[in-house]
Amino acid sequence: MIKKTKDEIRQMEKNYPGITESIWGFEFAVLPPCPHCGSEDTAQIQCGIIGRTIHIASATSRIKLLFNYDGKGQFHCNTCAKRFG
């Protein structure tokens, strides 16, 4: 789900050219439903915190940032907060 206004995304695009395409890429990605609760409100896990990824994660709920990836699943459920995959 998009969490930013069009104006906010336009401003991000000025600072990070190409970021709008990345945001929509995550937004429209086909992700599996959560095997624990069945929710389709899931996100892809990304490791590392840099300006660009922070802005993408602030714009869409379809990406979950972790400081250190421990290998426990490549997806995150936004409903029950469990990792899977």
PDB file of N, CA and C in Angstrom:
ATOM      1  N   MET A   1       0.840  -1.167   0.000  1.00  0.00           N
ATOM      2  CA  MET A   1       0.000   0.000   0.000  1.00  0.00           C
ATOM      3  C   MET A   1       0.897   1.246   0.000  1.00  0.00           C
ATOM      4  N   ILE A   2       0.583   2.164  -0.889  1.00  0.00           N
ATOM      5  CA  ILE A   2       1.344   3.416  -0.956  1.00  0.00           C
ATOM      6  C   ILE A   2       1.047   4.249   0.289  1.00  0.00           C
ATOM      7  N   LYS A   3       2.109   4.755   0.918  1.00  0.00           N
ATOM      8  CA  LYS A   3       1.983   5.504   2.168  1.00  0.00           C
ATOM      9  C   LYS A   3       2.353   6.980   2.022  1.00  0.00           C
ATOM     10  N   LYS A   4       2.694   7.403   0.823  1.00  0.00           N
ATOM     11  CA  LYS A   4       3.103   8.789   0.577  1.00  0.00           C
ATOM     12  C   LYS A   4       2.190   9.430  -0.462  1.00  0.00           C
ATOM     13  N   THR A   5       2.112  10.752  -0.429  1.00  0.00           N
ATOM     14  CA  THR A   5       1.329  11.479  -1.421  1.00  0.00           C
ATOM     15  C   THR A   5       2.129  11.571  -2.723  1.00  0.00           C
ATOM     16  N   LYS A   6       1.432  11.946  -3.793  1.00  0.00           N
ATOM     17  CA  LYS A   6       2.113  12.137  -5.078  1.00  0.00           C
ATOM     18  C   LYS A   6       3.195  13.206  -4.976  1.00  0.00           C
ATOM     19  N   ASP A   7       2.900  14.272  -4.242  1.00  0.00           N
ATOM     20  CA  ASP A   7       3.897  15.341  -4.070  1.00  0.00           C
ATOM     21  C   ASP A   7       5.130  14.852  -3.323  1.00  0.00           C
ATOM     22  N   GLU A   8       4.923  14.043  -2.300  1.00  0.00           N
ATOM     23  CA  GLU A   8       6.061  13.497  -1.548  1.00  0.00           C
ATOM     24  C   GLU A   8       6.899  12.585  -2.435  1.00  0.00           C
ATOM     25  N   ILE A   9       6.251  11.769  -3.249  1.00  0.00           N
ATOM     26  CA  ILE A   9       6.991  10.878  -4.149  1.00  0.00           C
ATOM     27  C   ILE A   9       7.718  11.692  -5.216  1.00  0.00           C
ATOM     28  N   ARG A  10       7.117  12.756  -5.711  1.00  0.00           N
ATOM     29  CA  ARG A  10       7.775  13.641  -6.666  1.00  0.00           C
ATOM     30  C   ARG A  10       9.053  14.236  -6.066  1.00  0.00           C
ATOM     31  N   GLN A  11       8.976  14.638  -4.794  1.00  0.00           N
ATOM     32  CA  GLN A  11      10.159  15.187  -4.122  1.00  0.00           C
ATOM     33  C   GLN A  11      11.242  14.123  -3.965  1.00  0.00           C
ATOM     34  N   MET A  12      10.846  12.894  -3.623  1.00  0.00           N
ATOM     35  CA  MET A  12      11.819  11.800  -3.531  1.00  0.00           C
ATOM     36  C   MET A  12      12.509  11.584  -4.875  1.00  0.00           C
ATOM     37  N   GLU A  13      11.724  11.664  -5.953  1.00  0.00           N
ATOM     38  CA  GLU A  13      12.273  11.458  -7.301  1.00  0.00           C
ATOM     39  C   GLU A  13      13.335  12.504  -7.619  1.00  0.00           C
ATOM     40  N   LYS A  14      13.153  13.728  -7.153  1.00  0.00           N
ATOM     41  CA  LYS A  14      14.160  14.772  -7.372  1.00  0.00           C
ATOM     42  C   LYS A  14      15.470  14.412  -6.676  1.00  0.00           C
ATOM     43  N   ASN A  15      15.364  13.854  -5.471  1.00  0.00           N
ATOM     44  CA  ASN A  15      16.559  13.502  -4.702  1.00  0.00           C
ATOM     45  C   ASN A  15      17.173  12.170  -5.124  1.00  0.00           C
ATOM     46  N   TYR A  16      16.339  11.254  -5.583  1.00  0.00           N
ATOM     47  CA  TYR A  16      16.786   9.905  -5.969  1.00  0.00           C
ATOM     48  C   TYR A  16      16.162   9.546  -7.315  1.00  0.00           C
ATOM     49  N   PRO A  17      16.759  10.005  -8.427  1.00  0.00           N
ATOM     50  CA  PRO A  17      16.191   9.715  -9.748  1.00  0.00           C
ATOM     51  C   PRO A  17      15.962   8.210  -9.947  1.00  0.00           C
ATOM     52  N   GLY A  18      14.766   7.876 -10.420  1.00  0.00           N
ATOM     53  CA  GLY A  18      14.411   6.479 -10.650  1.00  0.00           C
ATOM     54  C   GLY A  18      13.692   5.822  -9.487  1.00  0.00           C
ATOM     55  N   ILE A  19      13.579   6.508  -8.343  1.00  0.00           N
ATOM     56  CA  ILE A  19      12.989   5.902  -7.157  1.00  0.00           C
ATOM     57  C   ILE A  19      11.495   5.599  -7.347  1.00  0.00           C
ATOM     58  N   THR A  20      10.809   6.421  -8.146  1.00  0.00           N
ATOM     59  CA  THR A  20       9.379   6.181  -8.371  1.00  0.00           C
ATOM     60  C   THR A  20       9.168   4.821  -9.019  1.00  0.00           C
ATOM     61  N   GLU A  21       9.992   4.491  -9.982  1.00  0.00           N
ATOM     62  CA  GLU A  21       9.901   3.184 -10.637  1.00  0.00           C
ATOM     63  C   GLU A  21      10.162   2.057  -9.634  1.00  0.00           C
ATOM     64  N   SER A  22      11.127   2.261  -8.748  1.00  0.00           N
ATOM     65  CA  SER A  22      11.417   1.246  -7.722  1.00  0.00           C
ATOM     66  C   SER A  22      10.238   1.068  -6.771  1.00  0.00           C
ATOM     67  N   ILE A  23       9.635   2.176  -6.365  1.00  0.00           N
ATOM     68  CA  ILE A  23       8.482   2.114  -5.454  1.00  0.00           C
ATOM     69  C   ILE A  23       7.359   1.319  -6.100  1.00  0.00           C
ATOM     70  N   TRP A  24       7.026   1.663  -7.353  1.00  0.00           N
ATOM     71  CA  TRP A  24       5.936   0.962  -8.033  1.00  0.00           C
ATOM     72  C   TRP A  24       6.303  -0.495  -8.308  1.00  0.00           C
ATOM     73  N   GLY A  25       7.587  -0.778  -8.504  1.00  0.00           N
ATOM     74  CA  GLY A  25       8.021  -2.165  -8.684  1.00  0.00           C
ATOM     75  C   GLY A  25       7.695  -3.009  -7.457  1.00  0.00           C
ATOM     76  N   PHE A  26       7.963  -2.461  -6.271  1.00  0.00           N
ATOM     77  CA  PHE A  26       7.610  -3.176  -5.043  1.00  0.00           C
ATOM     78  C   PHE A  26       6.093  -3.222  -4.862  1.00  0.00           C
ATOM     79  N   GLU A  27       5.431  -2.112  -5.145  1.00  0.00           N
ATOM     80  CA  GLU A  27       3.983  -2.020  -4.940  1.00  0.00           C
ATOM     81  C   GLU A  27       3.222  -3.054  -5.764  1.00  0.00           C
ATOM     82  N   PHE A  28       3.663  -3.304  -6.992  1.00  0.00           N
ATOM     83  CA  PHE A  28       2.954  -4.232  -7.871  1.00  0.00           C
ATOM     84  C   PHE A  28       3.576  -5.623  -7.923  1.00  0.00           C
ATOM     85  N   ALA A  29       4.589  -5.874  -7.114  1.00  0.00           N
ATOM     86  CA  ALA A  29       5.203  -7.199  -7.081  1.00  0.00           C
ATOM     87  C   ALA A  29       4.189  -8.242  -6.597  1.00  0.00           C
ATOM     88  N   VAL A  30       4.250  -9.405  -7.208  1.00  0.00           N
ATOM     89  CA  VAL A  30       3.388 -10.506  -6.777  1.00  0.00           C
ATOM     90  C   VAL A  30       4.111 -11.222  -5.644  1.00  0.00           C
ATOM     91  N   LEU A  31       3.577 -11.077  -4.441  1.00  0.00           N
ATOM     92  CA  LEU A  31       4.182 -11.692  -3.260  1.00  0.00           C
ATOM     93  C   LEU A  31       3.251 -12.768  -2.722  1.00  0.00           C
ATOM     94  N   PRO A  32       3.818 -13.799  -2.112  1.00  0.00           N
ATOM     95  CA  PRO A  32       2.973 -14.874  -1.581  1.00  0.00           C
ATOM     96  C   PRO A  32       2.219 -14.432  -0.333  1.00  0.00           C
ATOM     97  N   PRO A  33       1.054 -15.045  -0.097  1.00  0.00           N
ATOM     98  CA  PRO A  33       0.333 -14.754   1.146  1.00  0.00           C
ATOM     99  C   PRO A  33       1.058 -15.384   2.330  1.00  0.00           C
ATOM    100  N   CYS A  34       0.778 -14.893   3.514  1.00  0.00           N
ATOM    101  CA  CYS A  34       1.403 -15.418   4.728  1.00  0.00           C
ATOM    102  C   CYS A  34       0.883 -16.833   5.003  1.00  0.00           C
ATOM    103  N   PRO A  35       1.782 -17.806   5.170  1.00  0.00           N
ATOM    104  CA  PRO A  35       1.342 -19.169   5.473  1.00  0.00           C
ATOM    105  C   PRO A  35       0.844 -19.317   6.915  1.00  0.00           C
ATOM    106  N   HIS A  36       1.125 -18.346   7.761  1.00  0.00           N
ATOM    107  CA  HIS A  36       0.726 -18.416   9.167  1.00  0.00           C
ATOM    108  C   HIS A  36      -0.708 -17.930   9.372  1.00  0.00           C
ATOM    109  N   CYS A  37      -1.044 -16.767   8.783  1.00  0.00           N
ATOM    110  CA  CYS A  37      -2.372 -16.190   9.024  1.00  0.00           C
ATOM    111  C   CYS A  37      -3.205 -16.036   7.755  1.00  0.00           C
ATOM    112  N   GLY A  38      -2.593 -16.266   6.580  1.00  0.00           N
ATOM    113  CA  GLY A  38      -3.314 -16.179   5.320  1.00  0.00           C
ATOM    114  C   GLY A  38      -3.415 -14.783   4.730  1.00  0.00           C
ATOM    115  N   SER A  39      -2.878 -13.778   5.416  1.00  0.00           N
ATOM    116  CA  SER A  39      -2.956 -12.399   4.931  1.00  0.00           C
ATOM    117  C   SER A  39      -2.189 -12.237   3.621  1.00  0.00           C
ATOM    118  N   GLU A  40      -2.731 -11.436   2.740  1.00  0.00           N
ATOM    119  CA  GLU A  40      -2.032 -11.092   1.503  1.00  0.00           C
ATOM    120  C   GLU A  40      -1.274  -9.778   1.639  1.00  0.00           C
ATOM    121  N   ASP A  41      -1.324  -9.171   2.823  1.00  0.00           N
ATOM    122  CA  ASP A  41      -0.596  -7.930   3.106  1.00  0.00           C
ATOM    123  C   ASP A  41       0.816  -8.297   3.548  1.00  0.00           C
ATOM    124  N   THR A  42       1.644  -8.643   2.568  1.00  0.00           N
ATOM    125  CA  THR A  42       2.999  -9.103   2.848  1.00  0.00           C
ATOM    126  C   THR A  42       4.014  -8.176   2.179  1.00  0.00           C
ATOM    127  N   ALA A  43       5.266  -8.297   2.593  1.00  0.00           N
ATOM    128  CA  ALA A  43       6.342  -7.450   2.079  1.00  0.00           C
ATOM    129  C   ALA A  43       7.582  -8.281   1.818  1.00  0.00           C
ATOM    130  N   GLN A  44       8.402  -7.808   0.903  1.00  0.00           N
ATOM    131  CA  GLN A  44       9.685  -8.438   0.645  1.00  0.00           C
ATOM    132  C   GLN A  44      10.702  -7.869   1.615  1.00  0.00           C
ATOM    133  N   ILE A  45      11.510  -8.722   2.217  1.00  0.00           N
ATOM    134  CA  ILE A  45      12.529  -8.274   3.161  1.00  0.00           C
ATOM    135  C   ILE A  45      13.764  -7.815   2.393  1.00  0.00           C
ATOM    136  N   GLN A  46      14.289  -6.669   2.783  1.00  0.00           N
ATOM    137  CA  GLN A  46      15.526  -6.128   2.230  1.00  0.00           C
ATOM    138  C   GLN A  46      16.464  -5.835   3.392  1.00  0.00           C
ATOM    139  N   CYS A  47      17.745  -6.064   3.182  1.00  0.00           N
ATOM    140  CA  CYS A  47      18.733  -5.819   4.223  1.00  0.00           C
ATOM    141  C   CYS A  47      19.523  -4.566   3.887  1.00  0.00           C
ATOM    142  N   GLY A  48      19.844  -3.838   4.923  1.00  0.00           N
ATOM    143  CA  GLY A  48      20.660  -2.644   4.748  1.00  0.00           C
ATOM    144  C   GLY A  48      19.826  -1.392   4.823  1.00  0.00           C
ATOM    145  N   ILE A  49      20.401  -0.377   5.385  1.00  0.00           N
ATOM    146  CA  ILE A  49      19.692   0.882   5.551  1.00  0.00           C
ATOM    147  C   ILE A  49      20.514   1.981   4.870  1.00  0.00           C
ATOM    148  N   ILE A  50      20.045   2.405   3.720  1.00  0.00           N
ATOM    149  CA  ILE A  50      20.653   3.544   3.036  1.00  0.00           C
ATOM    150  C   ILE A  50      19.519   4.492   2.647  1.00  0.00           C
ATOM    151  N   GLY A  51      19.849   5.713   2.322  1.00  0.00           N
ATOM    152  CA  GLY A  51      18.840   6.726   2.029  1.00  0.00           C
ATOM    153  C   GLY A  51      17.775   6.277   1.049  1.00  0.00           C
ATOM    154  N   ARG A  52      18.183   5.702  -0.061  1.00  0.00           N
ATOM    155  CA  ARG A  52      17.229   5.292  -1.094  1.00  0.00           C
ATOM    156  C   ARG A  52      16.260   4.235  -0.577  1.00  0.00           C
ATOM    157  N   THR A  53      16.774   3.183   0.068  1.00  0.00           N
ATOM    158  CA  THR A  53      15.879   2.125   0.548  1.00  0.00           C
ATOM    159  C   THR A  53      14.990   2.614   1.682  1.00  0.00           C
ATOM    160  N   ILE A  54      15.492   3.515   2.496  1.00  0.00           N
ATOM    161  CA  ILE A  54      14.661   4.096   3.559  1.00  0.00           C
ATOM    162  C   ILE A  54      13.479   4.836   2.942  1.00  0.00           C
ATOM    163  N   HIS A  55      13.729   5.589   1.889  1.00  0.00           N
ATOM    164  CA  HIS A  55      12.657   6.328   1.235  1.00  0.00           C
ATOM    165  C   HIS A  55      11.669   5.385   0.548  1.00  0.00           C
ATOM    166  N   ILE A  56      12.163   4.323  -0.082  1.00  0.00           N
ATOM    167  CA  ILE A  56      11.250   3.356  -0.705  1.00  0.00           C
ATOM    168  C   ILE A  56      10.365   2.722   0.358  1.00  0.00           C
ATOM    169  N   ALA A  57      10.971   2.297   1.474  1.00  0.00           N
ATOM    170  CA  ALA A  57      10.202   1.663   2.546  1.00  0.00           C
ATOM    171  C   ALA A  57       9.211   2.629   3.185  1.00  0.00           C
ATOM    172  N   SER A  58       9.526   3.912   3.182  1.00  0.00           N
ATOM    173  CA  SER A  58       8.587   4.874   3.753  1.00  0.00           C
ATOM    174  C   SER A  58       7.404   5.119   2.825  1.00  0.00           C
ATOM    175  N   ALA A  59       7.562   4.760   1.541  1.00  0.00           N
ATOM    176  CA  ALA A  59       6.528   5.028   0.556  1.00  0.00           C
ATOM    177  C   ALA A  59       5.577   3.853   0.329  1.00  0.00           C
ATOM    178  N   THR A  60       6.026   2.626   0.600  1.00  0.00           N
ATOM    179  CA  THR A  60       5.182   1.451   0.357  1.00  0.00           C
ATOM    180  C   THR A  60       5.360   0.420   1.463  1.00  0.00           C
ATOM    181  N   SER A  61       4.271  -0.226   1.812  1.00  0.00           N
ATOM    182  CA  SER A  61       4.327  -1.267   2.847  1.00  0.00           C
ATOM    183  C   SER A  61       4.779  -2.613   2.279  1.00  0.00           C
ATOM    184  N   ARG A  62       5.146  -2.635   1.012  1.00  0.00           N
ATOM    185  CA  ARG A  62       5.528  -3.888   0.362  1.00  0.00           C
ATOM    186  C   ARG A  62       7.017  -4.206   0.492  1.00  0.00           C
ATOM    187  N   ILE A  63       7.728  -3.433   1.290  1.00  0.00           N
ATOM    188  CA  ILE A  63       9.140  -3.692   1.567  1.00  0.00           C
ATOM    189  C   ILE A  63       9.355  -3.539   3.065  1.00  0.00           C
ATOM    190  N   LYS A  64      10.100  -4.482   3.645  1.00  0.00           N
ATOM    191  CA  LYS A  64      10.422  -4.479   5.077  1.00  0.00           C
ATOM    192  C   LYS A  64      11.933  -4.432   5.201  1.00  0.00           C
ATOM    193  N   LEU A  65      12.453  -3.392   5.850  1.00  0.00           N
ATOM    194  CA  LEU A  65      13.899  -3.250   6.015  1.00  0.00           C
ATOM    195  C   LEU A  65      14.368  -3.863   7.320  1.00  0.00           C
ATOM    196  N   LEU A  66      15.498  -4.548   7.248  1.00  0.00           N
ATOM    197  CA  LEU A  66      16.161  -5.099   8.428  1.00  0.00           C
ATOM    198  C   LEU A  66      17.595  -4.600   8.441  1.00  0.00           C
ATOM    199  N   PHE A  67      18.094  -4.281   9.615  1.00  0.00           N
ATOM    200  CA  PHE A  67      19.485  -3.847   9.733  1.00  0.00           C
ATOM    201  C   PHE A  67      20.432  -4.979   9.376  1.00  0.00           C
ATOM    202  N   ASN A  68      20.184  -6.131   9.929  1.00  0.00           N
ATOM    203  CA  ASN A  68      21.002  -7.311   9.677  1.00  0.00           C
ATOM    204  C   ASN A  68      20.089  -8.471   9.330  1.00  0.00           C
ATOM    205  N   TYR A  69      20.279  -9.046   8.150  1.00  0.00           N
ATOM    206  CA  TYR A  69      19.456 -10.170   7.721  1.00  0.00           C
ATOM    207  C   TYR A  69      20.029 -11.452   8.283  1.00  0.00           C
ATOM    208  N   ASP A  70      19.194 -12.210   8.977  1.00  0.00           N
ATOM    209  CA  ASP A  70      19.646 -13.450   9.605  1.00  0.00           C
ATOM    210  C   ASP A  70      19.247 -14.685   8.821  1.00  0.00           C
ATOM    211  N   GLY A  71      18.694 -14.511   7.628  1.00  0.00           N
ATOM    212  CA  GLY A  71      18.339 -15.640   6.779  1.00  0.00           C
ATOM    213  C   GLY A  71      17.015 -16.300   7.112  1.00  0.00           C
ATOM    214  N   LYS A  72      16.257 -15.737   8.037  1.00  0.00           N
ATOM    215  CA  LYS A  72      14.997 -16.347   8.466  1.00  0.00           C
ATOM    216  C   LYS A  72      13.828 -15.806   7.662  1.00  0.00           C
ATOM    217  N   GLY A  73      13.728 -16.243   6.412  1.00  0.00           N
ATOM    218  CA  GLY A  73      12.609 -15.867   5.556  1.00  0.00           C
ATOM    219  C   GLY A  73      12.902 -14.662   4.692  1.00  0.00           C
ATOM    220  N   GLN A  74      12.331 -14.682   3.485  1.00  0.00           N
ATOM    221  CA  GLN A  74      12.549 -13.556   2.582  1.00  0.00           C
ATOM    222  C   GLN A  74      11.322 -12.660   2.478  1.00  0.00           C
ATOM    223  N   PHE A  75      10.243 -13.035   3.205  1.00  0.00           N
ATOM    224  CA  PHE A  75       9.022 -12.226   3.216  1.00  0.00           C
ATOM    225  C   PHE A  75       8.585 -11.942   4.644  1.00  0.00           C
ATOM    226  N   HIS A  76       7.822 -10.857   4.804  1.00  0.00           N
ATOM    227  CA  HIS A  76       7.330 -10.415   6.108  1.00  0.00           C
ATOM    228  C   HIS A  76       5.827 -10.198   5.994  1.00  0.00           C
ATOM    229  N   CYS A  77       5.072 -10.672   6.980  1.00  0.00           N
ATOM    230  CA  CYS A  77       3.630 -10.438   7.010  1.00  0.00           C
ATOM    231  C   CYS A  77       3.354  -9.159   7.791  1.00  0.00           C
ATOM    232  N   ASN A  78       2.679  -8.207   7.156  1.00  0.00           N
ATOM    233  CA  ASN A  78       2.347  -6.956   7.828  1.00  0.00           C
ATOM    234  C   ASN A  78       1.201  -7.122   8.818  1.00  0.00           C
ATOM    235  N   THR A  79       0.495  -8.250   8.767  1.00  0.00           N
ATOM    236  CA  THR A  79      -0.643  -8.493   9.659  1.00  0.00           C
ATOM    237  C   THR A  79      -0.195  -9.171  10.954  1.00  0.00           C
ATOM    238  N   CYS A  80       0.508 -10.308  10.820  1.00  0.00           N
ATOM    239  CA  CYS A  80       0.911 -11.044  12.024  1.00  0.00           C
ATOM    240  C   CYS A  80       2.386 -10.841  12.378  1.00  0.00           C
ATOM    241  N   ALA A  81       3.134 -10.117  11.542  1.00  0.00           N
ATOM    242  CA  ALA A  81       4.542  -9.761  11.756  1.00  0.00           C
ATOM    243  C   ALA A  81       5.498 -10.961  11.765  1.00  0.00           C
ATOM    244  N   LYS A  82       5.089 -12.082  11.144  1.00  0.00           N
ATOM    245  CA  LYS A  82       5.986 -13.235  11.060  1.00  0.00           C
ATOM    246  C   LYS A  82       6.700 -13.228   9.717  1.00  0.00           C
ATOM    247  N   ARG A  83       7.890 -13.838   9.703  1.00  0.00           N
ATOM    248  CA  ARG A  83       8.659 -13.978   8.475  1.00  0.00           C
ATOM    249  C   ARG A  83       8.433 -15.374   7.903  1.00  0.00           C
ATOM    250  N   PHE A  84       8.555 -15.461   6.591  1.00  0.00           N
ATOM    251  CA  PHE A  84       8.374 -16.765   5.933  1.00  0.00           C
ATOM    252  C   PHE A  84       9.084 -16.778   4.589  1.00  0.00           C
ATOM    253  N   GLY A  85       9.113 -17.952   3.972  1.00  0.00           N
ATOM    254  CA  GLY A  85       9.669 -18.113   2.619  1.00  0.00           C
ATOM    255  C   GLY A  85      11.117 -18.431   2.561  1.00  0.00           C
TER     256      GLY A  85
END
